[in-house]
Amino acid sequence: MNLGFFPPTVNIKRRFCERYRFDRIPEKKEIRMHPVATFRKVTPGVMASAALAVREHAPHVDKADVARVLKRVRSQLGIRGVAFEVLDMLLAISKPEDWQPGRRPVVSVSNYRAAFELGVSEKTITRALRQLVEAGIIAYRDSPTGRRYKNDDGDAYGLDFTPSLHRYAELKAIVDAKDNTYREERSTHRETGRISRQIVDTLTHLRAAGHKTSAFDEHFNALMPEYHARRRDADFLEELTNLLIDILQHFETGEAENQAVDQAFDESSQMSATGDRFDPQYTNTTPPSYVEKQRNRANARSHKPTDAGIAGKMAYEHKPERAGPKAQDLSRHENPDEIAYLLRKACSQLRADYMIAAGSWAELAPRIDELRALVGIPPETWIAGVKVGGRFHAAAALAIVAEKVIRAAAGLEGGTEIRRPAKYFLSMLYRSETGELNLLPTLRVLARSAMN
């Protein structure tokens, strides 16, 4: 094999150096530092914490306040796992007097002791301390030998919490913003659940009354797959609220229901609280079967059973022309003006959420259908309640039921979870016949809780 065409290796190196004049490469001189031992690798986070530690005039903050803020803001700073356990241990070891003005909050604990206390290795403690330093919570305050200690001369070396004092206002602002966000999301979550349930109840009632709700059902069902993902979203709450408003505005009061109420009562539509029916009901016939059925089911305890035949016979024989106030009005001296005043004060959530001012029949009358749809009371139940207790008493009872339901849904004081609002509504009004209806105590409790 002829290898004559390969030039010698030496010649290749020589020719390359001659061509580019790399015959001799001078060696660089090393810059030697003063022989001082280093304890660790310095990073920008370590340098930033050191700069905060040497800054003068640290603000005075109690140890408990700093500890509370640091623990609340740990997730925003990325402090998790062992790093948080180390932070909790350092705060527990730190002495409260070291946080006083003129002192430096330094914790002198070795890595071995910290590892022994937490049951981890010293290397894990070293990484956790570096994480706390780079997060701007503590700073290294090294002694000349690197050992952490305190002496009687006031010298303290170890882990310095001075950066936390300088950053307290910043970290406190993060905590406040976090609390505000939580309160807003919680309120939105509750309102979303309340509005969704109200839409379902309203559509169910309208379907039972014979209305066609297919368009609203499709719209609502299209929003429901996103409920759990967007229930804390204000835009989602606005969509549900607009849907509920459209439903309530679309289905106004039916003419048939108005005619039924007008036939049952031949009274003036401008009746006020003082002109309402506070006289006992006198009739020469027995009550309707529906009222009797609901009375026996809803108010078995408070209703005093009587012989319907004897009562009818007495009604025929002794038919009075006009009677005075009821027994409960004479004994308890209920003032209709006081009821109207307390009703306006008690129904704070109705006024805040639905702009319904409950103070008189004139104010409640235009919103009766909205209140019925809100709590799920059928039209026939409302008519039966009006026949038993009068229009103003029935409207007041309806407002009380709606206020309790709204407060219970929002988790507010004074709320009551009512599983059967129609039964609850009728049971209140049936007590007017036996002289046991007294709305003032309930209204006072609701008004007192509304002021709180």
Protein backbone atom coordinates (compact mmCIF):
# COMPACT_ATOMS: atom_id res chain seq x y z
CA MET A 1 0.00 0.00 0.00
CA ASN A 2 1.43 3.33 -1.03
CA LEU A 3 1.23 5.92 1.71
CA GLY A 4 3.43 8.47 0.09
CA PHE A 5 0.69 11.00 -0.41
CA PHE A 6 0.19 11.47 3.37
CA PRO A 7 2.56 14.16 4.60
CA PRO A 8 4.17 13.67 7.98
CA THR A 9 2.19 14.81 10.99
CA VAL A 10 4.98 17.07 12.17
CA ASN A 11 4.97 18.91 8.88
CA ILE A 12 1.21 19.53 9.14
CA LYS A 13 1.56 21.11 12.58
CA ARG A 14 4.56 23.15 11.45
CA ARG A 15 2.96 24.41 8.27
CA PHE A 16 -0.32 25.32 10.19
CA CYS A 17 1.62 27.30 12.78
CA GLU A 18 3.74 29.02 10.13
CA ARG A 19 0.70 30.00 8.09
CA TYR A 20 -1.20 31.56 10.98
CA ARG A 21 1.88 32.49 13.03
CA PHE A 22 0.87 30.36 15.99
CA ASP A 23 4.39 29.30 16.64
CA ARG A 24 4.15 30.22 20.31
CA ILE A 25 1.04 30.93 22.38
CA PRO A 26 1.82 33.07 25.41
CA GLU A 27 0.38 31.91 28.73
CA LYS A 28 -2.10 34.20 30.57
CA LYS A 29 -1.16 35.41 33.98
CA GLU A 30 -3.58 34.38 36.73
CA ILE A 31 -4.91 37.12 39.02
CA ARG A 32 -4.56 35.76 42.50
CA MET A 33 -7.02 36.89 45.20
CA HIS A 34 -6.15 37.47 48.81
CA PRO A 35 -6.27 34.06 50.50
CA VAL A 36 -9.69 34.35 52.29
CA ALA A 37 -11.79 31.22 52.66
CA THR A 38 -15.32 31.25 51.14
CA PHE A 39 -18.23 29.53 52.85
CA ARG A 40 -20.66 29.20 49.97
CA LYS A 41 -21.43 30.14 46.39
CA VAL A 42 -22.82 33.67 46.05
CA THR A 43 -25.94 34.20 43.94
CA PRO A 44 -27.94 37.37 43.14
CA GLY A 45 -30.56 36.34 45.72
CA VAL A 46 -27.92 35.93 48.43
CA MET A 47 -26.44 39.34 47.56
CA ALA A 48 -29.88 41.00 47.68
CA SER A 49 -30.59 39.57 51.14
CA ALA A 50 -27.15 40.69 52.34
CA ALA A 51 -27.87 44.21 51.09
CA LEU A 52 -31.09 44.32 53.07
CA ALA A 53 -29.34 43.00 56.17
CA VAL A 54 -26.75 45.81 56.21
CA ARG A 55 -29.30 48.52 55.62
CA GLU A 56 -29.79 50.76 58.65
CA HIS A 57 -32.94 51.89 60.45
CA ALA A 58 -34.93 48.69 60.23
CA PRO A 59 -38.61 49.23 61.13
CA HIS A 60 -39.77 47.94 64.49
CA VAL A 61 -42.18 45.03 64.09
CA ASP A 62 -43.09 42.44 66.70
CA LYS A 63 -41.94 38.89 66.19
CA ALA A 64 -45.51 37.58 66.20
CA ASP A 65 -46.55 39.93 63.38
CA VAL A 66 -43.56 39.01 61.25
CA ALA A 67 -44.12 35.29 61.84
CA ARG A 68 -47.82 35.59 60.94
CA VAL A 69 -47.06 37.43 57.68
CA LEU A 70 -44.21 35.09 56.68
CA LYS A 71 -46.37 32.02 57.16
CA ARG A 72 -49.24 33.55 55.22
CA VAL A 73 -47.05 34.58 52.28
CA ARG A 74 -45.03 31.38 52.01
CA SER A 75 -46.85 30.12 48.91
CA GLN A 76 -46.20 33.38 47.04
CA LEU A 77 -42.48 33.14 47.90
CA GLY A 78 -42.27 29.48 46.94
CA ILE A 79 -41.49 28.25 50.46
CA ARG A 80 -42.71 24.67 50.76
CA GLY A 81 -41.79 21.37 52.35
CA VAL A 82 -38.61 21.29 54.40
CA ALA A 83 -37.92 24.98 53.77
CA PHE A 84 -41.13 25.91 55.55
CA GLU A 85 -40.34 23.56 58.43
CA VAL A 86 -36.92 25.20 58.78
CA LEU A 87 -38.55 28.66 58.75
CA ASP A 88 -41.02 27.61 61.43
CA MET A 89 -38.18 26.22 63.57
CA LEU A 90 -36.09 29.40 63.21
CA LEU A 91 -39.04 31.58 64.24
CA ALA A 92 -39.67 29.34 67.24
CA ILE A 93 -36.01 29.53 68.35
CA SER A 94 -35.76 33.30 67.85
CA LYS A 95 -36.12 35.28 71.08
CA PRO A 96 -38.71 38.08 71.25
CA GLU A 97 -36.23 40.50 72.84
CA ASP A 98 -33.98 40.22 69.77
CA TRP A 99 -36.74 41.91 67.73
CA GLN A 100 -36.66 45.07 69.85
CA PRO A 101 -35.22 48.33 68.43
CA GLY A 102 -31.43 48.40 68.55
CA ARG A 103 -31.17 44.60 68.46
CA ARG A 104 -30.68 42.24 65.55
CA PRO A 105 -32.94 39.16 65.21
CA VAL A 106 -30.22 36.58 64.63
CA VAL A 107 -30.71 32.84 65.18
CA SER A 108 -27.51 30.95 65.98
CA VAL A 109 -28.31 27.33 65.27
CA SER A 110 -26.01 24.90 63.52
CA ASN A 111 -26.96 22.81 60.53
CA TYR A 112 -26.38 19.67 62.56
CA ARG A 113 -28.80 20.76 65.29
CA ALA A 114 -31.43 21.78 62.74
CA ALA A 115 -31.04 18.47 60.90
CA PHE A 116 -31.35 16.58 64.18
CA GLU A 117 -34.53 18.47 65.15
CA LEU A 118 -36.25 17.93 61.80
CA GLY A 119 -34.97 14.44 61.13
CA VAL A 120 -33.28 15.26 57.80
CA SER A 121 -29.71 15.44 56.56
CA GLU A 122 -27.43 18.46 56.92
CA LYS A 123 -27.32 18.82 53.15
CA THR A 124 -31.10 19.19 53.13
CA ILE A 125 -30.84 21.91 55.77
CA THR A 126 -28.22 23.72 53.70
CA ARG A 127 -30.47 23.73 50.64
CA ALA A 128 -33.48 24.87 52.68
CA LEU A 129 -31.52 27.77 54.22
CA ARG A 130 -30.32 28.86 50.78
CA GLN A 131 -33.92 28.84 49.59
CA LEU A 132 -34.97 31.08 52.49
CA VAL A 133 -32.07 33.45 51.83
CA GLU A 134 -32.78 33.73 48.11
CA ALA A 135 -36.46 34.38 48.92
CA GLY A 136 -35.42 37.48 50.90
CA ILE A 137 -36.55 36.20 54.31
CA ILE A 138 -33.21 35.77 56.09
CA ALA A 139 -29.57 36.62 55.38
CA TYR A 140 -26.29 34.94 56.24
CA ARG A 141 -24.40 36.73 59.00
CA ASP A 142 -21.13 34.84 59.12
CA SER A 143 -18.52 35.00 61.81
CA PRO A 144 -14.81 35.10 60.83
CA THR A 145 -14.64 31.35 61.26
CA GLY A 146 -18.07 30.59 59.79
CA ARG A 147 -19.40 29.35 63.10
CA ARG A 148 -22.78 30.56 64.35
CA TYR A 149 -22.77 31.81 67.92
CA LYS A 150 -23.63 34.64 70.31
CA ASN A 151 -21.49 36.02 73.12
CA ASP A 152 -21.89 38.34 76.08
CA ASP A 153 -20.36 41.25 74.17
CA GLY A 154 -23.45 41.50 71.95
CA ASP A 155 -21.94 39.79 68.92
CA ALA A 156 -24.39 37.55 67.10
CA TYR A 157 -23.63 35.44 64.06
CA GLY A 158 -25.92 33.08 62.25
CA LEU A 159 -29.16 33.58 60.33
CA ASP A 160 -30.43 37.17 60.33
CA PHE A 161 -34.15 38.06 59.99
CA THR A 162 -33.41 41.74 59.29
CA PRO A 163 -34.44 41.40 55.59
CA SER A 164 -37.91 40.38 56.76
CA LEU A 165 -38.17 43.59 58.82
CA HIS A 166 -37.33 45.75 55.80
CA ARG A 167 -39.78 43.81 53.59
CA TYR A 168 -42.60 43.64 56.16
CA ALA A 169 -44.73 46.33 54.48
CA GLU A 170 -44.30 44.65 51.09
CA LEU A 171 -45.18 41.20 52.41
CA LYS A 172 -48.12 42.57 54.42
CA ALA A 173 -49.52 44.11 51.22
CA ILE A 174 -49.31 40.70 49.55
CA VAL A 175 -51.24 39.13 52.42
CA ASP A 176 -53.94 41.84 52.28
CA ALA A 177 -54.33 41.38 48.54
CA LYS A 178 -54.60 37.64 49.08
CA ASP A 179 -57.36 38.13 51.67
CA ASN A 180 -59.27 40.50 49.41
CA THR A 181 -59.07 38.04 46.54
CA TYR A 182 -60.34 35.25 48.78
CA ARG A 183 -63.28 37.32 50.01
CA GLU A 184 -64.22 38.31 46.47
CA GLU A 185 -64.02 34.72 45.22
CA ARG A 186 -66.01 33.43 48.20
CA SER A 187 -68.73 36.02 47.66
CA THR A 188 -68.83 35.24 43.94
CA HIS A 189 -68.99 31.51 44.68
CA ARG A 190 -71.94 31.94 47.05
CA GLU A 191 -73.78 34.27 44.71
CA THR A 192 -73.25 31.89 41.79
CA GLY A 193 -74.75 29.00 43.75
CA ARG A 194 -77.67 31.12 44.94
CA ILE A 195 -78.48 32.48 41.48
CA SER A 196 -78.18 29.02 39.89
CA ARG A 197 -80.56 27.50 42.43
CA GLN A 198 -82.97 30.38 41.97
CA ILE A 199 -82.96 29.86 38.19
CA VAL A 200 -83.69 26.15 38.63
CA ASP A 201 -86.55 26.82 41.06
CA THR A 202 -88.03 29.52 38.85
CA LEU A 203 -87.93 27.39 35.71
CA THR A 204 -89.42 24.44 37.58
CA HIS A 205 -92.28 26.56 38.86
CA LEU A 206 -92.94 28.07 35.43
CA ARG A 207 -93.01 24.65 33.77
CA ALA A 208 -95.47 23.44 36.40
CA ALA A 209 -97.65 26.47 35.68
CA GLY A 210 -97.79 25.57 31.99
CA HIS A 211 -95.25 28.03 30.57
CA LYS A 212 -92.82 27.09 27.82
CA THR A 213 -89.24 27.49 29.07
CA SER A 214 -87.30 25.53 26.45
CA ALA A 215 -85.20 28.51 25.31
CA PHE A 216 -84.18 29.38 28.86
CA ASP A 217 -83.54 25.71 29.66
CA GLU A 218 -81.13 25.42 26.73
CA HIS A 219 -79.31 28.59 27.76
CA PHE A 220 -78.98 27.43 31.36
CA ASN A 221 -77.87 23.92 30.38
CA ALA A 222 -75.22 25.41 28.11
CA LEU A 223 -73.72 27.28 31.08
CA MET A 224 -73.80 24.41 33.57
CA PRO A 225 -70.83 22.35 32.20
CA GLU A 226 -68.59 25.29 33.13
CA TYR A 227 -70.10 25.74 36.60
CA HIS A 228 -67.37 24.10 38.70
CA ALA A 229 -64.57 25.69 36.69
CA ARG A 230 -66.07 29.21 36.62
CA ARG A 231 -68.16 29.40 39.78
CA ARG A 232 -65.71 31.93 41.26
CA ASP A 233 -65.59 34.00 38.05
CA ALA A 234 -67.37 37.34 38.18
CA ASP A 235 -68.17 37.18 34.45
CA PHE A 236 -69.89 33.82 34.90
CA LEU A 237 -71.95 35.26 37.77
CA GLU A 238 -72.96 38.16 35.55
CA GLU A 239 -74.13 35.76 32.83
CA LEU A 240 -76.29 33.83 35.33
CA THR A 241 -77.70 37.05 36.79
CA ASN A 242 -78.64 38.36 33.35
CA LEU A 243 -80.32 35.03 32.57
CA LEU A 244 -82.38 35.21 35.77
CA ILE A 245 -83.41 38.79 35.01
CA ASP A 246 -84.50 37.78 31.51
CA ILE A 247 -86.57 34.91 32.92
CA LEU A 248 -88.31 37.08 35.51
CA GLN A 249 -88.99 39.87 33.03
CA HIS A 250 -90.29 37.50 30.37
CA PHE A 251 -92.85 35.79 32.58
CA GLU A 252 -94.91 38.58 34.10
CA THR A 253 -97.99 38.18 36.22
CA GLY A 254 -100.70 36.18 34.45
CA GLU A 255 -104.16 37.67 34.02
CA ALA A 256 -105.83 34.55 35.34
CA GLU A 257 -104.10 34.82 38.69
CA ASN A 258 -105.01 38.48 39.02
CA GLN A 259 -108.64 37.71 38.26
CA ALA A 260 -108.66 34.95 40.90
CA VAL A 261 -107.31 37.33 43.53
CA ASP A 262 -109.77 40.06 42.51
CA GLN A 263 -112.70 37.66 42.76
CA ALA A 264 -111.58 36.50 46.20
CA PHE A 265 -111.21 40.05 47.48
CA ASP A 266 -113.18 43.12 46.51
CA GLU A 267 -110.86 45.63 48.11
CA SER A 268 -109.01 48.70 47.02
CA SER A 269 -105.64 48.16 45.33
CA GLN A 270 -104.19 51.13 47.22
CA MET A 271 -104.66 49.56 50.66
CA SER A 272 -101.96 50.60 53.17
CA ALA A 273 -100.67 48.89 56.26
CA THR A 274 -103.08 50.71 58.56
CA GLY A 275 -106.08 49.87 56.36
CA ASP A 276 -105.36 46.16 56.03
CA ARG A 277 -107.64 43.40 57.24
CA PHE A 278 -107.08 43.25 60.97
CA ASP A 279 -110.65 42.05 61.62
CA PRO A 280 -111.47 38.38 62.11
CA GLN A 281 -112.78 36.41 59.17
CA TYR A 282 -116.55 35.75 59.33
CA THR A 283 -118.18 33.40 56.91
CA ASN A 284 -121.35 31.33 56.78
CA THR A 285 -119.65 28.40 55.06
CA THR A 286 -116.76 26.15 55.87
CA PRO A 287 -113.29 27.09 54.53
CA PRO A 288 -112.18 25.74 51.13
CA SER A 289 -110.99 22.15 51.06
CA TYR A 290 -107.49 23.19 50.06
CA VAL A 291 -107.14 25.49 53.03
CA GLU A 292 -108.44 22.79 55.38
CA LYS A 293 -106.02 20.25 53.96
CA GLN A 294 -103.01 22.53 54.28
CA ARG A 295 -104.07 23.62 57.75
CA ASN A 296 -104.17 20.04 59.03
CA ARG A 297 -100.80 19.22 57.46
CA ALA A 298 -98.82 22.38 58.16
CA ASN A 299 -100.01 23.52 61.55
CA ALA A 300 -101.00 20.42 63.49
CA ARG A 301 -99.48 21.75 66.71
CA SER A 302 -100.74 25.32 66.85
CA HIS A 303 -104.20 24.82 65.27
CA LYS A 304 -106.98 24.04 67.68
CA PRO A 305 -109.41 21.60 66.04
CA THR A 306 -113.08 22.50 66.17
CA ASP A 307 -116.25 20.87 65.04
CA ALA A 308 -116.90 22.26 61.54
CA GLY A 309 -120.63 21.48 61.75
CA ILE A 310 -121.14 23.28 65.04
CA ALA A 311 -119.04 26.23 63.80
CA GLY A 312 -121.17 26.49 60.65
CA LYS A 313 -124.38 26.30 62.63
CA MET A 314 -123.23 29.04 64.98
CA ALA A 315 -122.21 31.17 62.02
CA TYR A 316 -125.75 30.94 60.62
CA GLU A 317 -127.43 31.67 63.96
CA HIS A 318 -125.10 34.43 65.16
CA LYS A 319 -123.86 36.42 62.21
CA PRO A 320 -122.24 39.67 63.45
CA GLU A 321 -122.29 42.85 61.49
CA ARG A 322 -118.79 44.06 62.34
CA ALA A 323 -116.19 43.10 64.90
CA GLY A 324 -113.26 44.77 66.53
CA PRO A 325 -109.60 43.82 66.41
CA LYS A 326 -108.44 40.25 66.83
CA ALA A 327 -107.55 38.73 70.16
CA GLN A 328 -103.81 38.82 69.47
CA ASP A 329 -104.02 42.50 68.50
CA LEU A 330 -105.74 43.36 71.79
CA SER A 331 -103.31 41.33 73.89
CA ARG A 332 -100.12 42.18 72.16
CA HIS A 333 -101.05 45.63 70.80
CA GLU A 334 -99.48 45.05 67.37
CA ASN A 335 -99.25 48.33 65.51
CA PRO A 336 -99.40 48.01 61.71
CA ASP A 337 -97.10 51.00 61.35
CA GLU A 338 -94.55 49.26 63.58
CA ILE A 339 -94.85 46.11 61.46
CA ALA A 340 -94.23 48.14 58.31
CA TYR A 341 -91.24 49.92 59.88
CA LEU A 342 -89.62 46.70 61.14
CA LEU A 343 -90.36 44.95 57.86
CA ARG A 344 -88.39 47.59 55.99
CA LYS A 345 -85.47 47.25 58.42
CA ALA A 346 -85.54 43.45 58.56
CA CYS A 347 -85.59 42.70 54.82
CA SER A 348 -82.11 44.06 54.16
CA GLN A 349 -81.06 41.30 51.76
CA LEU A 350 -84.20 41.71 49.67
CA ARG A 351 -83.38 45.38 49.32
CA ALA A 352 -79.68 44.80 48.63
CA ASP A 353 -79.99 41.88 46.19
CA TYR A 354 -83.34 42.50 44.48
CA MET A 355 -84.12 46.19 45.21
CA ILE A 356 -87.37 45.20 46.96
CA ALA A 357 -88.43 47.68 49.64
CA ALA A 358 -90.85 45.89 51.99
CA GLY A 359 -92.61 48.59 53.98
CA SER A 360 -96.23 48.67 52.85
CA TRP A 361 -98.68 46.88 50.59
CA ALA A 362 -98.16 49.52 47.89
CA GLU A 363 -94.44 48.70 47.80
CA LEU A 364 -94.86 44.93 47.99
CA ALA A 365 -97.78 44.49 45.61
CA PRO A 366 -95.82 44.99 42.34
CA ARG A 367 -93.14 42.50 43.49
CA ILE A 368 -95.34 39.71 44.89
CA ASP A 369 -94.87 37.46 41.85
CA GLU A 370 -91.13 37.94 41.93
CA LEU A 371 -91.05 37.00 45.63
CA ARG A 372 -93.20 33.93 45.01
CA ALA A 373 -90.90 32.75 42.21
CA LEU A 374 -87.90 33.46 44.41
CA VAL A 375 -88.94 31.09 47.20
CA GLY A 376 -91.10 28.72 45.14
CA ILE A 377 -94.63 29.44 46.44
CA PRO A 378 -97.42 28.47 43.97
CA PRO A 379 -100.21 30.95 43.12
CA GLU A 380 -102.88 28.86 44.85
CA THR A 381 -100.85 28.86 48.08
CA TRP A 382 -100.56 32.64 47.93
CA ILE A 383 -104.33 33.00 47.38
CA ALA A 384 -105.05 30.69 50.32
CA GLY A 385 -102.72 32.68 52.54
CA VAL A 386 -104.37 35.96 51.57
CA LYS A 387 -107.80 34.53 52.40
CA VAL A 388 -106.64 33.48 55.83
CA GLY A 389 -104.52 36.41 56.99
CA GLY A 390 -105.22 39.36 54.73
CA ARG A 391 -103.14 40.81 51.96
CA PHE A 392 -100.72 42.79 54.05
CA HIS A 393 -100.10 39.97 56.55
CA ALA A 394 -99.62 37.53 53.67
CA ALA A 395 -97.20 39.90 51.94
CA ALA A 396 -95.28 40.41 55.19
CA ALA A 397 -95.05 36.65 55.76
CA LEU A 398 -93.89 36.15 52.18
CA ALA A 399 -91.17 38.79 52.61
CA ILE A 400 -90.04 37.16 55.86
CA VAL A 401 -89.79 33.73 54.22
CA ALA A 402 -87.83 35.18 51.28
CA GLU A 403 -85.46 37.07 53.59
CA LYS A 404 -84.71 33.94 55.64
CA VAL A 405 -84.09 31.85 52.52
CA ILE A 406 -81.73 34.45 51.00
CA ARG A 407 -79.76 34.82 54.23
CA ALA A 408 -79.45 31.05 54.62
CA ALA A 409 -78.12 30.73 51.05
CA ALA A 410 -75.54 33.46 51.71
CA GLY A 411 -74.57 32.06 55.13
CA LEU A 412 -75.65 35.23 56.94
CA GLU A 413 -76.98 35.64 60.45
CA GLY A 414 -80.73 35.19 60.78
CA GLY A 415 -81.05 32.83 57.83
CA THR A 416 -83.13 29.67 58.02
CA GLU A 417 -82.97 26.74 55.62
CA ILE A 418 -86.63 26.20 54.70
CA ARG A 419 -87.19 22.96 52.82
CA ARG A 420 -90.89 23.58 52.15
CA PRO A 421 -91.46 27.34 51.80
CA ALA A 422 -95.14 26.98 50.84
CA LYS A 423 -95.92 24.93 53.94
CA TYR A 424 -93.91 27.32 56.12
CA PHE A 425 -95.75 30.30 54.61
CA LEU A 426 -99.21 28.85 55.27
CA SER A 427 -98.34 27.70 58.79
CA MET A 428 -97.50 31.30 59.71
CA LEU A 429 -100.80 32.69 58.44
CA TYR A 430 -103.03 29.96 59.93
CA ARG A 431 -102.04 31.21 63.38
CA SER A 432 -104.02 34.40 62.75
CA GLU A 433 -107.27 32.46 63.16
CA THR A 434 -106.23 31.10 66.55
CA GLY A 435 -104.78 34.40 67.77
CA GLU A 436 -101.18 33.18 67.67
CA LEU A 437 -99.86 35.19 64.71
CA ASN A 438 -97.28 37.68 65.93
CA LEU A 439 -94.81 38.98 63.36
CA LEU A 440 -93.10 41.53 65.59
CA PRO A 441 -90.64 39.16 67.40
CA THR A 442 -89.48 37.64 64.12
CA LEU A 443 -89.11 41.06 62.52
CA ARG A 444 -87.15 42.40 65.50
CA VAL A 445 -84.70 39.48 65.33
CA LEU A 446 -84.18 39.94 61.58
CA ALA A 447 -83.78 43.69 61.95
CA ARG A 448 -81.24 43.26 64.77
CA SER A 449 -79.18 40.76 62.77
CA ALA A 450 -79.34 43.04 59.70
CA MET A 451 -77.73 45.86 61.70
CA ASN A 452 -74.91 43.53 62.78
